[in-house]
Amino acid sequence: HMPGLRENALIPDDAGYVFPTGKYFADLHCLFE
């Protein structure tokens, strides 16, 4: 229930769907793994 967004929306619906992670990829990969 993010502030200002509909239920079970993490980001605004018009923000897009695909985001390059760049320098954050290694950290994200570590967390997922």
PDB file of all heavy atoms in Angstrom:
ATOM      1  N   HIS A   1       0.870  -1.179   0.000  1.00  0.00           N
ATOM      2  CA  HIS A   1       0.000   0.000   0.000  1.00  0.00           C
ATOM      3  C   HIS A   1       0.906   1.228   0.000  1.00  0.00           C
ATOM      4  O   HIS A   1       1.009   1.956   0.991  1.00  0.00           O
ATOM      5  CB  HIS A   1      -0.919   0.013   1.222  1.00  0.00           C
ATOM      6  CG  HIS A   1      -1.915  -1.108   1.249  1.00  0.00           C
ATOM      7  ND1 HIS A   1      -1.595  -2.392   1.653  1.00  0.00           N
ATOM      8  CD2 HIS A   1      -3.222  -1.145   0.890  1.00  0.00           C
ATOM      9  CE1 HIS A   1      -2.669  -3.160   1.570  1.00  0.00           C
ATOM     10  NE2 HIS A   1      -3.665  -2.431   1.116  1.00  0.00           N
ATOM     11  N   MET A   2       1.593   1.454  -1.112  1.00  0.00           N
ATOM     12  CA  MET A   2       2.522   2.574  -1.186  1.00  0.00           C
ATOM     13  C   MET A   2       1.752   3.897  -1.199  1.00  0.00           C
ATOM     14  O   MET A   2       0.686   3.996  -1.831  1.00  0.00           O
ATOM     15  CB  MET A   2       3.378   2.460  -2.449  1.00  0.00           C
ATOM     16  CG  MET A   2       4.214   1.185  -2.515  1.00  0.00           C
ATOM     17  SD  MET A   2       5.485   1.113  -1.232  1.00  0.00           S
ATOM     18  CE  MET A   2       6.631   2.349  -1.844  1.00  0.00           C
ATOM     19  N   PRO A   3       2.277   4.920  -0.511  1.00  0.00           N
ATOM     20  CA  PRO A   3       1.579   6.210  -0.430  1.00  0.00           C
ATOM     21  C   PRO A   3       1.247   6.774  -1.817  1.00  0.00           C
ATOM     22  O   PRO A   3       2.112   6.873  -2.684  1.00  0.00           O
ATOM     23  CB  PRO A   3       2.588   7.108   0.294  1.00  0.00           C
ATOM     24  CG  PRO A   3       3.447   6.165   1.079  1.00  0.00           C
ATOM     25  CD  PRO A   3       3.550   4.932   0.245  1.00  0.00           C
ATOM     26  N   GLY A   4      -0.019   7.120  -2.007  1.00  0.00           N
ATOM     27  CA  GLY A   4      -0.440   7.754  -3.246  1.00  0.00           C
ATOM     28  C   GLY A   4      -0.661   6.812  -4.412  1.00  0.00           C
ATOM     29  O   GLY A   4      -1.032   7.261  -5.504  1.00  0.00           O
ATOM     30  N   LEU A   5      -0.446   5.495  -4.220  1.00  0.00           N
ATOM     31  CA  LEU A   5      -0.611   4.539  -5.313  1.00  0.00           C
ATOM     32  C   LEU A   5      -1.727   3.553  -4.996  1.00  0.00           C
ATOM     33  O   LEU A   5      -2.100   3.359  -3.839  1.00  0.00           O
ATOM     34  CB  LEU A   5       0.696   3.759  -5.545  1.00  0.00           C
ATOM     35  CG  LEU A   5       1.947   4.575  -5.875  1.00  0.00           C
ATOM     36  CD1 LEU A   5       3.132   3.646  -6.111  1.00  0.00           C
ATOM     37  CD2 LEU A   5       1.715   5.459  -7.092  1.00  0.00           C
ATOM     38  N   ARG A   6      -2.235   2.922  -6.041  1.00  0.00           N
ATOM     39  CA  ARG A   6      -3.272   1.908  -5.834  1.00  0.00           C
ATOM     40  C   ARG A   6      -2.682   0.683  -5.122  1.00  0.00           C
ATOM     41  O   ARG A   6      -1.464   0.501  -5.070  1.00  0.00           O
ATOM     42  CB  ARG A   6      -3.899   1.494  -7.170  1.00  0.00           C
ATOM     43  CG  ARG A   6      -2.937   0.830  -8.152  1.00  0.00           C
ATOM     44  CD  ARG A   6      -3.635   0.556  -9.474  1.00  0.00           C
ATOM     45  NE  ARG A   6      -2.731   0.012 -10.492  1.00  0.00           N
ATOM     46  CZ  ARG A   6      -2.482  -1.280 -10.671  1.00  0.00           C
ATOM     47  NH1 ARG A   6      -3.056  -2.170  -9.875  1.00  0.00           N
ATOM     48  NH2 ARG A   6      -1.653  -1.690 -11.622  1.00  0.00           N
ATOM     49  N   GLU A   7      -3.539  -0.154  -4.597  1.00  0.00           N
ATOM     50  CA  GLU A   7      -3.083  -1.333  -3.877  1.00  0.00           C
ATOM     51  C   GLU A   7      -2.247  -2.232  -4.790  1.00  0.00           C
ATOM     52  O   GLU A   7      -2.576  -2.454  -5.949  1.00  0.00           O
ATOM     53  CB  GLU A   7      -4.293  -2.113  -3.345  1.00  0.00           C
ATOM     54  CG  GLU A   7      -3.933  -3.302  -2.473  1.00  0.00           C
ATOM     55  CD  GLU A   7      -5.147  -3.991  -1.885  1.00  0.00           C
ATOM     56  OE1 GLU A   7      -6.273  -3.514  -2.127  1.00  0.00           O
ATOM     57  OE2 GLU A   7      -4.968  -5.012  -1.189  1.00  0.00           O
ATOM     58  N   ASN A   8      -1.165  -2.740  -4.229  1.00  0.00           N
ATOM     59  CA  ASN A   8      -0.234  -3.624  -4.941  1.00  0.00           C
ATOM     60  C   ASN A   8       0.321  -2.989  -6.223  1.00  0.00           C
ATOM     61  O   ASN A   8       0.406  -3.617  -7.268  1.00  0.00           O
ATOM     62  CB  ASN A   8      -0.878  -4.984  -5.220  1.00  0.00           C
ATOM     63  CG  ASN A   8      -0.960  -5.830  -3.955  1.00  0.00           C
ATOM     64  OD1 ASN A   8       0.010  -5.925  -3.203  1.00  0.00           O
ATOM     65  ND2 ASN A   8      -2.115  -6.427  -3.711  1.00  0.00           N
ATOM     66  N   ALA A   9       0.684  -1.731  -6.080  1.00  0.00           N
ATOM     67  CA  ALA A   9       1.499  -1.036  -7.091  1.00  0.00           C
ATOM     68  C   ALA A   9       2.720  -0.515  -6.357  1.00  0.00           C
ATOM     69  O   ALA A   9       2.590   0.201  -5.359  1.00  0.00           O
ATOM     70  CB  ALA A   9       0.721   0.098  -7.742  1.00  0.00           C
ATOM     71  N   LEU A  10       3.893  -0.893  -6.823  1.00  0.00           N
ATOM     72  CA  LEU A  10       5.128  -0.436  -6.174  1.00  0.00           C
ATOM     73  C   LEU A  10       5.556   0.925  -6.690  1.00  0.00           C
ATOM     74  O   LEU A  10       6.124   1.732  -5.953  1.00  0.00           O
ATOM     75  CB  LEU A  10       6.247  -1.458  -6.415  1.00  0.00           C
ATOM     76  CG  LEU A  10       7.612  -1.132  -5.800  1.00  0.00           C
ATOM     77  CD1 LEU A  10       7.520  -1.074  -4.269  1.00  0.00           C
ATOM     78  CD2 LEU A  10       8.659  -2.155  -6.229  1.00  0.00           C
ATOM     79  N   ILE A  11       5.281   1.181  -7.969  1.00  0.00           N
ATOM     80  CA  ILE A  11       5.640   2.449  -8.607  1.00  0.00           C
ATOM     81  C   ILE A  11       4.417   2.965  -9.356  1.00  0.00           C
ATOM     82  O   ILE A  11       3.473   2.195  -9.609  1.00  0.00           O
ATOM     83  CB  ILE A  11       6.840   2.271  -9.568  1.00  0.00           C
ATOM     84  CG1 ILE A  11       6.502   1.263 -10.676  1.00  0.00           C
ATOM     85  CG2 ILE A  11       8.081   1.835  -8.808  1.00  0.00           C
ATOM     86  CD1 ILE A  11       7.593   1.097 -11.718  1.00  0.00           C
ATOM     87  N   PRO A  12       4.396   4.235  -9.740  1.00  0.00           N
ATOM     88  CA  PRO A  12       3.245   4.739 -10.507  1.00  0.00           C
ATOM     89  C   PRO A  12       3.036   3.934 -11.789  1.00  0.00           C
ATOM     90  O   PRO A  12       4.001   3.476 -12.418  1.00  0.00           O
ATOM     91  CB  PRO A  12       3.630   6.189 -10.807  1.00  0.00           C
ATOM     92  CG  PRO A  12       4.579   6.560  -9.718  1.00  0.00           C
ATOM     93  CD  PRO A  12       5.359   5.307  -9.413  1.00  0.00           C
ATOM     94  N   ASP A  13       1.795   3.771 -12.192  1.00  0.00           N
ATOM     95  CA  ASP A  13       1.478   2.970 -13.368  1.00  0.00           C
ATOM     96  C   ASP A  13       2.044   3.563 -14.653  1.00  0.00           C
ATOM     97  O   ASP A  13       2.229   2.838 -15.632  1.00  0.00           O
ATOM     98  CB  ASP A  13      -0.041   2.794 -13.499  1.00  0.00           C
ATOM     99  CG  ASP A  13      -0.596   1.834 -12.454  1.00  0.00           C
ATOM    100  OD1 ASP A  13       0.012   0.769 -12.250  1.00  0.00           O
ATOM    101  OD2 ASP A  13      -1.631   2.145 -11.837  1.00  0.00           O
ATOM    102  N   ASP A  14       2.325   4.861 -14.658  1.00  0.00           N
ATOM    103  CA  ASP A  14       2.867   5.480 -15.870  1.00  0.00           C
ATOM    104  C   ASP A  14       4.390   5.615 -15.830  1.00  0.00           C
ATOM    105  O   ASP A  14       4.986   6.291 -16.663  1.00  0.00           O
ATOM    106  CB  ASP A  14       2.231   6.847 -16.110  1.00  0.00           C
ATOM    107  CG  ASP A  14       2.481   7.824 -14.956  1.00  0.00           C
ATOM    108  OD1 ASP A  14       3.102   7.418 -13.946  1.00  0.00           O
ATOM    109  OD2 ASP A  14       2.057   8.985 -15.064  1.00  0.00           O
ATOM    110  N   ALA A  15       5.042   4.946 -14.854  1.00  0.00           N
ATOM    111  CA  ALA A  15       6.490   5.083 -14.707  1.00  0.00           C
ATOM    112  C   ALA A  15       7.272   4.176 -15.642  1.00  0.00           C
ATOM    113  O   ALA A  15       8.482   4.306 -15.765  1.00  0.00           O
ATOM    114  CB  ALA A  15       6.903   4.798 -13.261  1.00  0.00           C
ATOM    115  N   GLY A  16       6.588   3.257 -16.293  1.00  0.00           N
ATOM    116  CA  GLY A  16       7.268   2.312 -17.172  1.00  0.00           C
ATOM    117  C   GLY A  16       7.373   0.940 -16.533  1.00  0.00           C
ATOM    118  O   GLY A  16       6.907   0.715 -15.404  1.00  0.00           O
ATOM    119  N   TYR A  17       8.015   0.018 -17.249  1.00  0.00           N
ATOM    120  CA  TYR A  17       8.111  -1.366 -16.791  1.00  0.00           C
ATOM    121  C   TYR A  17       9.543  -1.886 -16.768  1.00  0.00           C
ATOM    122  O   TYR A  17       9.852  -2.813 -16.040  1.00  0.00           O
ATOM    123  CB  TYR A  17       7.288  -2.279 -17.707  1.00  0.00           C
ATOM    124  CG  TYR A  17       5.867  -1.819 -17.926  1.00  0.00           C
ATOM    125  CD1 TYR A  17       5.491  -1.191 -19.114  1.00  0.00           C
ATOM    126  CD2 TYR A  17       4.900  -1.994 -16.939  1.00  0.00           C
ATOM    127  CE1 TYR A  17       4.190  -0.762 -19.317  1.00  0.00           C
ATOM    128  CE2 TYR A  17       3.592  -1.569 -17.136  1.00  0.00           C
ATOM    129  CZ  TYR A  17       3.245  -0.950 -18.329  1.00  0.00           C
ATOM    130  OH  TYR A  17       1.965  -0.517 -18.517  1.00  0.00           O
ATOM    131  N   VAL A  18      10.421  -1.327 -17.583  1.00  0.00           N
ATOM    132  CA  VAL A  18      11.782  -1.844 -17.749  1.00  0.00           C
ATOM    133  C   VAL A  18      12.784  -0.765 -17.328  1.00  0.00           C
ATOM    134  O   VAL A  18      12.754   0.350 -17.851  1.00  0.00           O
ATOM    135  CB  VAL A  18      12.046  -2.268 -19.211  1.00  0.00           C
ATOM    136  CG1 VAL A  18      13.448  -2.846 -19.345  1.00  0.00           C
ATOM    137  CG2 VAL A  18      11.001  -3.282 -19.667  1.00  0.00           C
ATOM    138  N   PHE A  19      13.678  -1.136 -16.395  1.00  0.00           N
ATOM    139  CA  PHE A  19      14.622  -0.171 -15.840  1.00  0.00           C
ATOM    140  C   PHE A  19      16.029  -0.764 -15.854  1.00  0.00           C
ATOM    141  O   PHE A  19      16.260  -1.810 -15.238  1.00  0.00           O
ATOM    142  CB  PHE A  19      14.237   0.183 -14.398  1.00  0.00           C
ATOM    143  CG  PHE A  19      12.851   0.734 -14.262  1.00  0.00           C
ATOM    144  CD1 PHE A  19      11.763  -0.119 -14.071  1.00  0.00           C
ATOM    145  CD2 PHE A  19      12.614   2.100 -14.341  1.00  0.00           C
ATOM    146  CE1 PHE A  19      10.474   0.380 -13.956  1.00  0.00           C
ATOM    147  CE2 PHE A  19      11.329   2.611 -14.219  1.00  0.00           C
ATOM    148  CZ  PHE A  19      10.259   1.749 -14.037  1.00  0.00           C
ATOM    149  N   PRO A  20      16.994  -0.126 -16.526  1.00  0.00           N
ATOM    150  CA  PRO A  20      18.391  -0.582 -16.462  1.00  0.00           C
ATOM    151  C   PRO A  20      18.910  -0.414 -15.028  1.00  0.00           C
ATOM    152  O   PRO A  20      18.715   0.635 -14.412  1.00  0.00           O
ATOM    153  CB  PRO A  20      19.123   0.344 -17.425  1.00  0.00           C
ATOM    154  CG  PRO A  20      18.046   0.993 -18.255  1.00  0.00           C
ATOM    155  CD  PRO A  20      16.825   1.052 -17.397  1.00  0.00           C
ATOM    156  N   THR A  21      19.577  -1.432 -14.489  1.00  0.00           N
ATOM    157  CA  THR A  21      20.035  -1.364 -13.096  1.00  0.00           C
ATOM    158  C   THR A  21      21.427  -0.751 -12.972  1.00  0.00           C
ATOM    159  O   THR A  21      21.796  -0.287 -11.893  1.00  0.00           O
ATOM    160  CB  THR A  21      20.045  -2.756 -12.462  1.00  0.00           C
ATOM    161  OG1 THR A  21      20.858  -3.634 -13.265  1.00  0.00           O
ATOM    162  CG2 THR A  21      18.638  -3.314 -12.369  1.00  0.00           C
ATOM    163  N   GLY A  22      22.232  -0.780 -14.047  1.00  0.00           N
ATOM    164  CA  GLY A  22      23.552  -0.161 -14.001  1.00  0.00           C
ATOM    165  C   GLY A  22      24.395  -0.639 -12.829  1.00  0.00           C
ATOM    166  O   GLY A  22      24.561  -1.845 -12.609  1.00  0.00           O
ATOM    167  N   LYS A  23      24.893   0.308 -12.029  1.00  0.00           N
ATOM    168  CA  LYS A  23      25.807  -0.035 -10.934  1.00  0.00           C
ATOM    169  C   LYS A  23      25.119  -0.807  -9.815  1.00  0.00           C
ATOM    170  O   LYS A  23      25.800  -1.369  -8.932  1.00  0.00           O
ATOM    171  CB  LYS A  23      26.419   1.243 -10.358  1.00  0.00           C
ATOM    172  CG  LYS A  23      25.405   2.176  -9.690  1.00  0.00           C
ATOM    173  CD  LYS A  23      26.087   3.433  -9.158  1.00  0.00           C
ATOM    174  CE  LYS A  23      25.079   4.353  -8.458  1.00  0.00           C
ATOM    175  NZ  LYS A  23      25.733   5.583  -7.939  1.00  0.00           N
ATOM    176  N   TYR A  24      23.778  -0.882  -9.821  1.00  0.00           N
ATOM    177  CA  TYR A  24      23.058  -1.590  -8.765  1.00  0.00           C
ATOM    178  C   TYR A  24      22.836  -3.068  -9.093  1.00  0.00           C
ATOM    179  O   TYR A  24      22.299  -3.811  -8.268  1.00  0.00           O
ATOM    180  CB  TYR A  24      21.703  -0.924  -8.507  1.00  0.00           C
ATOM    181  CG  TYR A  24      21.818   0.511  -8.042  1.00  0.00           C
ATOM    182  CD1 TYR A  24      21.531   1.563  -8.907  1.00  0.00           C
ATOM    183  CD2 TYR A  24      22.215   0.820  -6.747  1.00  0.00           C
ATOM    184  CE1 TYR A  24      21.646   2.882  -8.492  1.00  0.00           C
ATOM    185  CE2 TYR A  24      22.326   2.138  -6.328  1.00  0.00           C
ATOM    186  CZ  TYR A  24      22.041   3.165  -7.201  1.00  0.00           C
ATOM    187  OH  TYR A  24      22.156   4.463  -6.785  1.00  0.00           O
ATOM    188  N   PHE A  25      23.233  -3.494 -10.287  1.00  0.00           N
ATOM    189  CA  PHE A  25      22.932  -4.869 -10.705  1.00  0.00           C
ATOM    190  C   PHE A  25      23.535  -5.905  -9.749  1.00  0.00           C
ATOM    191  O   PHE A  25      22.845  -6.858  -9.348  1.00  0.00           O
ATOM    192  CB  PHE A  25      23.435  -5.134 -12.127  1.00  0.00           C
ATOM    193  CG  PHE A  25      23.255  -6.573 -12.551  1.00  0.00           C
ATOM    194  CD1 PHE A  25      22.012  -7.035 -12.954  1.00  0.00           C
ATOM    195  CD2 PHE A  25      24.321  -7.463 -12.514  1.00  0.00           C
ATOM    196  CE1 PHE A  25      21.831  -8.356 -13.334  1.00  0.00           C
ATOM    197  CE2 PHE A  25      24.151  -8.786 -12.886  1.00  0.00           C
ATOM    198  CZ  PHE A  25      22.906  -9.245 -13.301  1.00  0.00           C
ATOM    199  N   ALA A  26      24.810  -5.751  -9.391  1.00  0.00           N
ATOM    200  CA  ALA A  26      25.470  -6.759  -8.551  1.00  0.00           C
ATOM    201  C   ALA A  26      24.764  -6.917  -7.210  1.00  0.00           C
ATOM    202  O   ALA A  26      24.563  -8.048  -6.732  1.00  0.00           O
ATOM    203  CB  ALA A  26      26.943  -6.384  -8.343  1.00  0.00           C
ATOM    204  N   ASP A  27      24.367  -5.795  -6.594  1.00  0.00           N
ATOM    205  CA  ASP A  27      23.672  -5.874  -5.304  1.00  0.00           C
ATOM    206  C   ASP A  27      22.311  -6.538  -5.458  1.00  0.00           C
ATOM    207  O   ASP A  27      21.918  -7.375  -4.631  1.00  0.00           O
ATOM    208  CB  ASP A  27      23.496  -4.475  -4.715  1.00  0.00           C
ATOM    209  CG  ASP A  27      24.821  -3.864  -4.249  1.00  0.00           C
ATOM    210  OD1 ASP A  27      25.789  -4.628  -4.067  1.00  0.00           O
ATOM    211  OD2 ASP A  27      24.874  -2.629  -4.094  1.00  0.00           O
ATOM    212  N   LEU A  28      21.578  -6.158  -6.495  1.00  0.00           N
ATOM    213  CA  LEU A  28      20.273  -6.767  -6.729  1.00  0.00           C
ATOM    214  C   LEU A  28      20.413  -8.262  -6.993  1.00  0.00           C
ATOM    215  O   LEU A  28      19.655  -9.081  -6.450  1.00  0.00           O
ATOM    216  CB  LEU A  28      19.580  -6.089  -7.918  1.00  0.00           C
ATOM    217  CG  LEU A  28      19.010  -4.698  -7.646  1.00  0.00           C
ATOM    218  CD1 LEU A  28      18.672  -4.007  -8.961  1.00  0.00           C
ATOM    219  CD2 LEU A  28      17.767  -4.788  -6.774  1.00  0.00           C
ATOM    220  N   HIS A  29      21.376  -8.624  -7.819  1.00  0.00           N
ATOM    221  CA  HIS A  29      21.600 -10.033  -8.130  1.00  0.00           C
ATOM    222  C   HIS A  29      21.908 -10.821  -6.862  1.00  0.00           C
ATOM    223  O   HIS A  29      21.396 -11.937  -6.654  1.00  0.00           O
ATOM    224  CB  HIS A  29      22.747 -10.171  -9.135  1.00  0.00           C
ATOM    225  CG  HIS A  29      22.981 -11.576  -9.593  1.00  0.00           C
ATOM    226  ND1 HIS A  29      23.789 -12.461  -8.901  1.00  0.00           N
ATOM    227  CD2 HIS A  29      22.499 -12.260 -10.665  1.00  0.00           C
ATOM    228  CE1 HIS A  29      23.806 -13.620  -9.523  1.00  0.00           C
ATOM    229  NE2 HIS A  29      23.033 -13.529 -10.592  1.00  0.00           N
ATOM    230  N   CYS A  30      22.734 -10.251  -5.991  1.00  0.00           N
ATOM    231  CA  CYS A  30      23.086 -10.910  -4.738  1.00  0.00           C
ATOM    232  C   CYS A  30      21.858 -11.146  -3.868  1.00  0.00           C
ATOM    233  O   CYS A  30      21.681 -12.221  -3.290  1.00  0.00           O
ATOM    234  CB  CYS A  30      24.119 -10.074  -3.986  1.00  0.00           C
ATOM    235  SG  CYS A  30      24.708 -10.821  -2.458  1.00  0.00           S
ATOM    236  N   LEU A  31      20.982 -10.147  -3.772  1.00  0.00           N
ATOM    237  CA  LEU A  31      19.775 -10.280  -2.952  1.00  0.00           C
ATOM    238  C   LEU A  31      18.828 -11.335  -3.526  1.00  0.00           C
ATOM    239  O   LEU A  31      18.327 -12.198  -2.791  1.00  0.00           O
ATOM    240  CB  LEU A  31      19.069  -8.925  -2.850  1.00  0.00           C
ATOM    241  CG  LEU A  31      19.756  -7.882  -1.977  1.00  0.00           C
ATOM    242  CD1 LEU A  31      19.148  -6.495  -2.210  1.00  0.00           C
ATOM    243  CD2 LEU A  31      19.648  -8.263  -0.502  1.00  0.00           C
ATOM    244  N   PHE A  32      18.570 -11.282  -4.829  1.00  0.00           N
ATOM    245  CA  PHE A  32      17.705 -12.287  -5.459  1.00  0.00           C
ATOM    246  C   PHE A  32      18.277 -13.696  -5.244  1.00  0.00           C
ATOM    247  O   PHE A  32      17.551 -14.626  -4.857  1.00  0.00           O
ATOM    248  CB  PHE A  32      17.593 -12.016  -6.959  1.00  0.00           C
ATOM    249  CG  PHE A  32      16.532 -11.042  -7.364  1.00  0.00           C
ATOM    250  CD1 PHE A  32      16.849  -9.733  -7.694  1.00  0.00           C
ATOM    251  CD2 PHE A  32      15.197 -11.426  -7.443  1.00  0.00           C
ATOM    252  CE1 PHE A  32      15.874  -8.829  -8.094  1.00  0.00           C
ATOM    253  CE2 PHE A  32      14.215 -10.533  -7.853  1.00  0.00           C
ATOM    254  CZ  PHE A  32      14.558  -9.230  -8.172  1.00  0.00           C
ATOM    255  N   GLU A  33      19.573 -13.838  -5.524  1.00  0.00           N
ATOM    256  CA  GLU A  33      20.205 -15.153  -5.446  1.00  0.00           C
ATOM    257  C   GLU A  33      20.176 -15.704  -4.022  1.00  0.00           C
ATOM    258  O   GLU A  33      19.902 -16.884  -3.787  1.00  0.00           O
ATOM    259  CB  GLU A  33      21.648 -15.048  -5.960  1.00  0.00           C
ATOM    260  CG  GLU A  33      22.360 -16.390  -6.150  1.00  0.00           C
ATOM    261  CD  GLU A  33      22.999 -16.891  -4.874  1.00  0.00           C
ATOM    262  OE1 GLU A  33      23.344 -16.062  -4.007  1.00  0.00           O
ATOM    263  OE2 GLU A  33      23.159 -18.132  -4.734  1.00  0.00           O
TER     264      GLU A  33
END
